[in-house]
Amino acid sequence: MHWYNQEHRHSAIEFVTPAQRHAGLDKALLAQRNTVYEKARAANPTRWAGQIRQWPYVKEVHLNPQKSREKKVKPDAKKAA
């Protein structure tokens, strides 16, 4: 439980820990990451072929988001006779 909340960085919340998110530290961390990337690109622009990675604040997070609201039908489901 400690590892999951205090150390594990979740991709759904831009790689911050749940503890950082709950404490309200994630906005500052994401802003700091943006600054680091911008400075790195300014120092060595040839390193990037395109845009730098963005670290947007994720406003809403769901534990088990549905990828589709439609029910998936199994191809080998029994057909009604």
PDB file of N, CA and C in Angstrom:
ATOM      1  N   MET A   1       0.833  -1.181   0.000  1.00  0.00           N
ATOM      2  CA  MET A   1       0.000   0.000   0.000  1.00  0.00           C
ATOM      3  C   MET A   1       0.882   1.250   0.000  1.00  0.00           C
ATOM      4  N   HIS A   2       1.939   1.260   0.784  1.00  0.00           N
ATOM      5  CA  HIS A   2       2.836   2.410   0.843  1.00  0.00           C
ATOM      6  C   HIS A   2       3.446   2.678  -0.534  1.00  0.00           C
ATOM      7  N   TRP A   3       3.961   1.619  -1.167  1.00  0.00           N
ATOM      8  CA  TRP A   3       4.607   1.781  -2.466  1.00  0.00           C
ATOM      9  C   TRP A   3       3.637   2.380  -3.478  1.00  0.00           C
ATOM     10  N   TYR A   4       2.407   1.835  -3.526  1.00  0.00           N
ATOM     11  CA  TYR A   4       1.425   2.280  -4.511  1.00  0.00           C
ATOM     12  C   TYR A   4       1.065   3.750  -4.326  1.00  0.00           C
ATOM     13  N   ASN A   5       0.885   4.191  -3.112  1.00  0.00           N
ATOM     14  CA  ASN A   5       0.470   5.573  -2.847  1.00  0.00           C
ATOM     15  C   ASN A   5       1.624   6.571  -2.796  1.00  0.00           C
ATOM     16  N   GLN A   6       2.783   6.144  -2.337  1.00  0.00           N
ATOM     17  CA  GLN A   6       3.892   7.066  -2.101  1.00  0.00           C
ATOM     18  C   GLN A   6       4.978   7.050  -3.175  1.00  0.00           C
ATOM     19  N   GLU A   7       5.120   5.941  -3.884  1.00  0.00           N
ATOM     20  CA  GLU A   7       6.242   5.822  -4.820  1.00  0.00           C
ATOM     21  C   GLU A   7       5.840   5.606  -6.280  1.00  0.00           C
ATOM     22  N   HIS A   8       4.787   4.852  -6.505  1.00  0.00           N
ATOM     23  CA  HIS A   8       4.378   4.510  -7.865  1.00  0.00           C
ATOM     24  C   HIS A   8       3.820   5.734  -8.578  1.00  0.00           C
ATOM     25  N   ARG A   9       4.384   6.032  -9.740  1.00  0.00           N
ATOM     26  CA  ARG A   9       3.927   7.170 -10.532  1.00  0.00           C
ATOM     27  C   ARG A   9       2.968   6.675 -11.607  1.00  0.00           C
ATOM     28  N   HIS A  10       1.749   7.183 -11.568  1.00  0.00           N
ATOM     29  CA  HIS A  10       0.678   6.701 -12.430  1.00  0.00           C
ATOM     30  C   HIS A  10       0.640   7.451 -13.761  1.00  0.00           C
ATOM     31  N   SER A  11       0.552   6.700 -14.834  1.00  0.00           N
ATOM     32  CA  SER A  11       0.504   7.320 -16.158  1.00  0.00           C
ATOM     33  C   SER A  11      -0.775   8.129 -16.363  1.00  0.00           C
ATOM     34  N   ALA A  12      -1.878   7.715 -15.764  1.00  0.00           N
ATOM     35  CA  ALA A  12      -3.153   8.426 -15.945  1.00  0.00           C
ATOM     36  C   ALA A  12      -3.142   9.823 -15.329  1.00  0.00           C
ATOM     37  N   ILE A  13      -2.244  10.062 -14.383  1.00  0.00           N
ATOM     38  CA  ILE A  13      -2.141  11.391 -13.757  1.00  0.00           C
ATOM     39  C   ILE A  13      -0.763  11.998 -14.025  1.00  0.00           C
ATOM     40  N   GLU A  14      -0.260  11.705 -15.239  1.00  0.00           N
ATOM     41  CA  GLU A  14       1.000  12.284 -15.721  1.00  0.00           C
ATOM     42  C   GLU A  14       2.202  11.965 -14.839  1.00  0.00           C
ATOM     43  N   PHE A  15       2.255  10.746 -14.364  1.00  0.00           N
ATOM     44  CA  PHE A  15       3.414  10.230 -13.635  1.00  0.00           C
ATOM     45  C   PHE A  15       3.723  10.979 -12.342  1.00  0.00           C
ATOM     46  N   VAL A  16       2.688  11.239 -11.579  1.00  0.00           N
ATOM     47  CA  VAL A  16       2.850  11.695 -10.197  1.00  0.00           C
ATOM     48  C   VAL A  16       2.265  10.597  -9.322  1.00  0.00           C
ATOM     49  N   THR A  17       2.596  10.599  -8.070  1.00  0.00           N
ATOM     50  CA  THR A  17       2.065   9.579  -7.168  1.00  0.00           C
ATOM     51  C   THR A  17       0.680   9.998  -6.673  1.00  0.00           C
ATOM     52  N   PRO A  18      -0.124   9.039  -6.243  1.00  0.00           N
ATOM     53  CA  PRO A  18      -1.414   9.401  -5.663  1.00  0.00           C
ATOM     54  C   PRO A  18      -1.266  10.334  -4.457  1.00  0.00           C
ATOM     55  N   ALA A  19      -0.233  10.139  -3.665  1.00  0.00           N
ATOM     56  CA  ALA A  19      -0.010  11.011  -2.499  1.00  0.00           C
ATOM     57  C   ALA A  19       0.257  12.451  -2.939  1.00  0.00           C
ATOM     58  N   GLN A  20       1.036  12.625  -3.992  1.00  0.00           N
ATOM     59  CA  GLN A  20       1.300  13.974  -4.509  1.00  0.00           C
ATOM     60  C   GLN A  20       0.014  14.596  -5.043  1.00  0.00           C
ATOM     61  N   ARG A  21      -0.790  13.789  -5.699  1.00  0.00           N
ATOM     62  CA  ARG A  21      -2.057  14.272  -6.242  1.00  0.00           C
ATOM     63  C   ARG A  21      -2.996  14.718  -5.118  1.00  0.00           C
ATOM     64  N   HIS A  22      -3.135  13.881  -4.102  1.00  0.00           N
ATOM     65  CA  HIS A  22      -4.046  14.192  -2.991  1.00  0.00           C
ATOM     66  C   HIS A  22      -3.564  15.388  -2.174  1.00  0.00           C
ATOM     67  N   ALA A  23      -2.272  15.581  -2.112  1.00  0.00           N
ATOM     68  CA  ALA A  23      -1.717  16.712  -1.361  1.00  0.00           C
ATOM     69  C   ALA A  23      -1.742  18.007  -2.177  1.00  0.00           C
ATOM     70  N   GLY A  24      -2.116  17.919  -3.452  1.00  0.00           N
ATOM     71  CA  GLY A  24      -2.164  19.111  -4.290  1.00  0.00           C
ATOM     72  C   GLY A  24      -0.811  19.544  -4.819  1.00  0.00           C
ATOM     73  N   LEU A  25       0.157  18.646  -4.812  1.00  0.00           N
ATOM     74  CA  LEU A  25       1.502  18.965  -5.274  1.00  0.00           C
ATOM     75  C   LEU A  25       1.690  18.728  -6.769  1.00  0.00           C
ATOM     76  N   ASP A  26       0.739  18.072  -7.395  1.00  0.00           N
ATOM     77  CA  ASP A  26       0.912  17.677  -8.789  1.00  0.00           C
ATOM     78  C   ASP A  26       0.969  18.856  -9.753  1.00  0.00           C
ATOM     79  N   LYS A  27       0.208  19.900  -9.533  1.00  0.00           N
ATOM     80  CA  LYS A  27       0.229  21.055 -10.439  1.00  0.00           C
ATOM     81  C   LYS A  27       1.613  21.692 -10.489  1.00  0.00           C
ATOM     82  N   ALA A  28       2.234  21.857  -9.335  1.00  0.00           N
ATOM     83  CA  ALA A  28       3.577  22.450  -9.282  1.00  0.00           C
ATOM     84  C   ALA A  28       4.611  21.524  -9.922  1.00  0.00           C
ATOM     85  N   LEU A  29       4.483  20.221  -9.689  1.00  0.00           N
ATOM     86  CA  LEU A  29       5.424  19.268 -10.280  1.00  0.00           C
ATOM     87  C   LEU A  29       5.320  19.260 -11.807  1.00  0.00           C
ATOM     88  N   LEU A  30       4.095  19.303 -12.319  1.00  0.00           N
ATOM     89  CA  LEU A  30       3.907  19.302 -13.770  1.00  0.00           C
ATOM     90  C   LEU A  30       4.426  20.596 -14.393  1.00  0.00           C
ATOM     91  N   ALA A  31       4.215  21.711 -13.723  1.00  0.00           N
ATOM     92  CA  ALA A  31       4.737  22.994 -14.205  1.00  0.00           C
ATOM     93  C   ALA A  31       6.262  22.983 -14.213  1.00  0.00           C
ATOM     94  N   GLN A  32       6.852  22.376 -13.176  1.00  0.00           N
ATOM     95  CA  GLN A  32       8.311  22.279 -13.092  1.00  0.00           C
ATOM     96  C   GLN A  32       8.852  21.412 -14.230  1.00  0.00           C
ATOM     97  N   ARG A  33       8.167  20.321 -14.534  1.00  0.00           N
ATOM     98  CA  ARG A  33       8.595  19.463 -15.641  1.00  0.00           C
ATOM     99  C   ARG A  33       8.564  20.225 -16.965  1.00  0.00           C
ATOM    100  N   ASN A  34       7.495  21.003 -17.177  1.00  0.00           N
ATOM    101  CA  ASN A  34       7.416  21.804 -18.406  1.00  0.00           C
ATOM    102  C   ASN A  34       8.599  22.752 -18.504  1.00  0.00           C
ATOM    103  N   THR A  35       8.952  23.380 -17.394  1.00  0.00           N
ATOM    104  CA  THR A  35      10.078  24.317 -17.372  1.00  0.00           C
ATOM    105  C   THR A  35      11.389  23.604 -17.691  1.00  0.00           C
ATOM    106  N   VAL A  36      11.590  22.442 -17.111  1.00  0.00           N
ATOM    107  CA  VAL A  36      12.812  21.664 -17.354  1.00  0.00           C
ATOM    108  C   VAL A  36      12.923  21.305 -18.838  1.00  0.00           C
ATOM    109  N   TYR A  37      11.832  20.846 -19.431  1.00  0.00           N
ATOM    110  CA  TYR A  37      11.850  20.483 -20.845  1.00  0.00           C
ATOM    111  C   TYR A  37      12.119  21.691 -21.725  1.00  0.00           C
ATOM    112  N   GLU A  38      11.498  22.820 -21.409  1.00  0.00           N
ATOM    113  CA  GLU A  38      11.712  24.037 -22.202  1.00  0.00           C
ATOM    114  C   GLU A  38      13.159  24.504 -22.123  1.00  0.00           C
ATOM    115  N   LYS A  39      13.748  24.459 -20.937  1.00  0.00           N
ATOM    116  CA  LYS A  39      15.153  24.863 -20.775  1.00  0.00           C
ATOM    117  C   LYS A  39      16.085  23.897 -21.503  1.00  0.00           C
ATOM    118  N   ALA A  40      15.787  22.612 -21.432  1.00  0.00           N
ATOM    119  CA  ALA A  40      16.625  21.621 -22.105  1.00  0.00           C
ATOM    120  C   ALA A  40      16.575  21.813 -23.622  1.00  0.00           C
ATOM    121  N   ARG A  41      15.396  22.100 -24.127  1.00  0.00           N
ATOM    122  CA  ARG A  41      15.277  22.320 -25.574  1.00  0.00           C
ATOM    123  C   ARG A  41      15.990  23.602 -25.990  1.00  0.00           C
ATOM    124  N   ALA A  42      15.882  24.633 -25.177  1.00  0.00           N
ATOM    125  CA  ALA A  42      16.566  25.888 -25.498  1.00  0.00           C
ATOM    126  C   ALA A  42      18.083  25.691 -25.493  1.00  0.00           C
ATOM    127  N   ALA A  43      18.580  24.846 -24.581  1.00  0.00           N
ATOM    128  CA  ALA A  43      20.020  24.609 -24.484  1.00  0.00           C
ATOM    129  C   ALA A  43      20.532  23.726 -25.623  1.00  0.00           C
ATOM    130  N   ASN A  44      19.687  22.820 -26.128  1.00  0.00           N
ATOM    131  CA  ASN A  44      20.113  21.903 -27.175  1.00  0.00           C
ATOM    132  C   ASN A  44      18.943  21.608 -28.115  1.00  0.00           C
ATOM    133  N   PRO A  45      18.578  22.558 -28.968  1.00  0.00           N
ATOM    134  CA  PRO A  45      17.397  22.399 -29.823  1.00  0.00           C
ATOM    135  C   PRO A  45      17.502  21.269 -30.844  1.00  0.00           C
ATOM    136  N   THR A  46      18.700  20.862 -31.202  1.00  0.00           N
ATOM    137  CA  THR A  46      18.840  19.791 -32.199  1.00  0.00           C
ATOM    138  C   THR A  46      18.476  18.415 -31.629  1.00  0.00           C
ATOM    139  N   ARG A  47      18.349  18.335 -30.347  1.00  0.00           N
ATOM    140  CA  ARG A  47      17.987  17.061 -29.712  1.00  0.00           C
ATOM    141  C   ARG A  47      16.543  16.680 -30.024  1.00  0.00           C
ATOM    142  N   TRP A  48      15.681  17.660 -30.269  1.00  0.00           N
ATOM    143  CA  TRP A  48      14.264  17.409 -30.511  1.00  0.00           C
ATOM    144  C   TRP A  48      13.938  17.584 -31.980  1.00  0.00           C
ATOM    145  N   ALA A  49      13.264  16.611 -32.551  1.00  0.00           N
ATOM    146  CA  ALA A  49      12.827  16.705 -33.943  1.00  0.00           C
ATOM    147  C   ALA A  49      11.496  17.447 -34.027  1.00  0.00           C
ATOM    148  N   GLY A  50      10.702  17.354 -32.981  1.00  0.00           N
ATOM    149  CA  GLY A  50       9.394  17.999 -32.971  1.00  0.00           C
ATOM    150  C   GLY A  50       9.209  18.791 -31.691  1.00  0.00           C
ATOM    151  N   GLN A  51       7.991  18.774 -31.218  1.00  0.00           N
ATOM    152  CA  GLN A  51       7.664  19.499 -29.997  1.00  0.00           C
ATOM    153  C   GLN A  51       8.156  18.742 -28.768  1.00  0.00           C
ATOM    154  N   ILE A  52       8.341  19.469 -27.675  1.00  0.00           N
ATOM    155  CA  ILE A  52       8.710  18.830 -26.429  1.00  0.00           C
ATOM    156  C   ILE A  52       7.466  18.192 -25.811  1.00  0.00           C
ATOM    157  N   ARG A  53       7.669  17.266 -24.923  1.00  0.00           N
ATOM    158  CA  ARG A  53       6.544  16.611 -24.263  1.00  0.00           C
ATOM    159  C   ARG A  53       5.810  17.609 -23.390  1.00  0.00           C
ATOM    160  N   GLN A  54       4.499  17.523 -23.446  1.00  0.00           N
ATOM    161  CA  GLN A  54       3.662  18.374 -22.609  1.00  0.00           C
ATOM    162  C   GLN A  54       3.252  17.608 -21.354  1.00  0.00           C
ATOM    163  N   TRP A  55       3.151  18.300 -20.251  1.00  0.00           N
ATOM    164  CA  TRP A  55       2.752  17.705 -18.980  1.00  0.00           C
ATOM    165  C   TRP A  55       1.487  18.408 -18.487  1.00  0.00           C
ATOM    166  N   PRO A  56       0.345  18.106 -19.112  1.00  0.00           N
ATOM    167  CA  PRO A  56      -0.885  18.796 -18.725  1.00  0.00           C
ATOM    168  C   PRO A  56      -1.432  18.278 -17.395  1.00  0.00           C
ATOM    169  N   TYR A  57      -2.143  19.145 -16.710  1.00  0.00           N
ATOM    170  CA  TYR A  57      -2.822  18.750 -15.481  1.00  0.00           C
ATOM    171  C   TYR A  57      -4.061  17.942 -15.856  1.00  0.00           C
ATOM    172  N   VAL A  58      -4.220  16.789 -15.244  1.00  0.00           N
ATOM    173  CA  VAL A  58      -5.376  15.942 -15.491  1.00  0.00           C
ATOM    174  C   VAL A  58      -6.418  16.288 -14.437  1.00  0.00           C
ATOM    175  N   LYS A  59      -7.510  16.889 -14.884  1.00  0.00           N
ATOM    176  CA  LYS A  59      -8.511  17.379 -13.950  1.00  0.00           C
ATOM    177  C   LYS A  59      -9.297  16.246 -13.302  1.00  0.00           C
ATOM    178  N   GLU A  60      -9.766  15.298 -14.098  1.00  0.00           N
ATOM    179  CA  GLU A  60     -10.613  14.230 -13.601  1.00  0.00           C
ATOM    180  C   GLU A  60      -9.937  12.889 -13.794  1.00  0.00           C
ATOM    181  N   VAL A  61     -10.001  12.054 -12.771  1.00  0.00           N
ATOM    182  CA  VAL A  61      -9.388  10.737 -12.835  1.00  0.00           C
ATOM    183  C   VAL A  61     -10.425   9.708 -12.424  1.00  0.00           C
ATOM    184  N   HIS A  62     -10.470   8.604 -13.171  1.00  0.00           N
ATOM    185  CA  HIS A  62     -11.410   7.528 -12.865  1.00  0.00           C
ATOM    186  C   HIS A  62     -10.624   6.266 -12.532  1.00  0.00           C
ATOM    187  N   LEU A  63     -11.119   5.524 -11.562  1.00  0.00           N
ATOM    188  CA  LEU A  63     -10.434   4.290 -11.183  1.00  0.00           C
ATOM    189  C   LEU A  63     -10.515   3.233 -12.276  1.00  0.00           C
ATOM    190  N   ASN A  64     -11.673   3.041 -12.829  1.00  0.00           N
ATOM    191  CA  ASN A  64     -11.871   2.043 -13.875  1.00  0.00           C
ATOM    192  C   ASN A  64     -12.650   2.655 -15.028  1.00  0.00           C
ATOM    193  N   PRO A  65     -11.994   3.465 -15.848  1.00  0.00           N
ATOM    194  CA  PRO A  65     -12.722   4.125 -16.934  1.00  0.00           C
ATOM    195  C   PRO A  65     -13.168   3.132 -17.994  1.00  0.00           C
ATOM    196  N   GLN A  66     -14.342   3.352 -18.528  1.00  0.00           N
ATOM    197  CA  GLN A  66     -14.821   2.505 -19.615  1.00  0.00           C
ATOM    198  C   GLN A  66     -14.268   3.039 -20.924  1.00  0.00           C
ATOM    199  N   LYS A  67     -13.719   2.151 -21.721  1.00  0.00           N
ATOM    200  CA  LYS A  67     -13.185   2.579 -23.008  1.00  0.00           C
ATOM    201  C   LYS A  67     -14.315   2.789 -24.002  1.00  0.00           C
ATOM    202  N   SER A  68     -15.386   2.086 -23.797  1.00  0.00           N
ATOM    203  CA  SER A  68     -16.534   2.235 -24.678  1.00  0.00           C
ATOM    204  C   SER A  68     -17.792   1.975 -23.874  1.00  0.00           C
ATOM    205  N   ARG A  69     -18.791   2.776 -24.085  1.00  0.00           N
ATOM    206  CA  ARG A  69     -20.046   2.589 -23.369  1.00  0.00           C
ATOM    207  C   ARG A  69     -20.874   1.463 -23.984  1.00  0.00           C
ATOM    208  N   GLU A  70     -20.512   1.080 -25.189  1.00  0.00           N
ATOM    209  CA  GLU A  70     -21.233   0.005 -25.847  1.00  0.00           C
ATOM    210  C   GLU A  70     -20.779  -1.330 -25.282  1.00  0.00           C
ATOM    211  N   LYS A  71     -21.713  -2.253 -25.182  1.00  0.00           N
ATOM    212  CA  LYS A  71     -21.368  -3.597 -24.727  1.00  0.00           C
ATOM    213  C   LYS A  71     -20.655  -4.317 -25.861  1.00  0.00           C
ATOM    214  N   LYS A  72     -19.621  -5.013 -25.507  1.00  0.00           N
ATOM    215  CA  LYS A  72     -18.901  -5.783 -26.501  1.00  0.00           C
ATOM    216  C   LYS A  72     -19.563  -7.148 -26.630  1.00  0.00           C
ATOM    217  N   VAL A  73     -19.825  -7.549 -27.845  1.00  0.00           N
ATOM    218  CA  VAL A  73     -20.447  -8.836 -28.102  1.00  0.00           C
ATOM    219  C   VAL A  73     -19.362  -9.797 -28.548  1.00  0.00           C
ATOM    220  N   LYS A  74     -19.319 -10.937 -27.891  1.00  0.00           N
ATOM    221  CA  LYS A  74     -18.331 -11.945 -28.249  1.00  0.00           C
ATOM    222  C   LYS A  74     -18.692 -12.566 -29.592  1.00  0.00           C
ATOM    223  N   PRO A  75     -17.717 -12.765 -30.476  1.00  0.00           N
ATOM    224  CA  PRO A  75     -18.016 -13.308 -31.795  1.00  0.00           C
ATOM    225  C   PRO A  75     -18.588 -14.712 -31.741  1.00  0.00           C
ATOM    226  N   ASP A  76     -18.243 -15.501 -30.744  1.00  0.00           N
ATOM    227  CA  ASP A  76     -18.731 -16.873 -30.664  1.00  0.00           C
ATOM    228  C   ASP A  76     -19.927 -16.997 -29.708  1.00  0.00           C
ATOM    229  N   ALA A  77     -20.636 -15.898 -29.496  1.00  0.00           N
ATOM    230  CA  ALA A  77     -21.807 -15.938 -28.633  1.00  0.00           C
ATOM    231  C   ALA A  77     -22.884 -16.770 -29.299  1.00  0.00           C
ATOM    232  N   LYS A  78     -23.671 -17.464 -28.484  1.00  0.00           N
ATOM    233  CA  LYS A  78     -24.721 -18.330 -29.015  1.00  0.00           C
ATOM    234  C   LYS A  78     -25.765 -17.481 -29.738  1.00  0.00           C
ATOM    235  N   LYS A  79     -26.164 -17.962 -30.899  1.00  0.00           N
ATOM    236  CA  LYS A  79     -27.183 -17.284 -31.678  1.00  0.00           C
ATOM    237  C   LYS A  79     -28.562 -17.803 -31.267  1.00  0.00           C
ATOM    238  N   ALA A  80     -29.526 -16.894 -31.228  1.00  0.00           N
ATOM    239  CA  ALA A  80     -30.883 -17.304 -30.885  1.00  0.00           C
ATOM    240  C   ALA A  80     -31.470 -18.090 -32.044  1.00  0.00           C
ATOM    241  N   ALA A  81     -32.095 -19.214 -31.732  1.00  0.00           N
ATOM    242  CA  ALA A  81     -32.639 -20.066 -32.810  1.00  0.00           C
ATOM    243  C   ALA A  81     -34.086 -19.764 -33.068  1.00  0.00           C
TER     244      ALA A  81
END
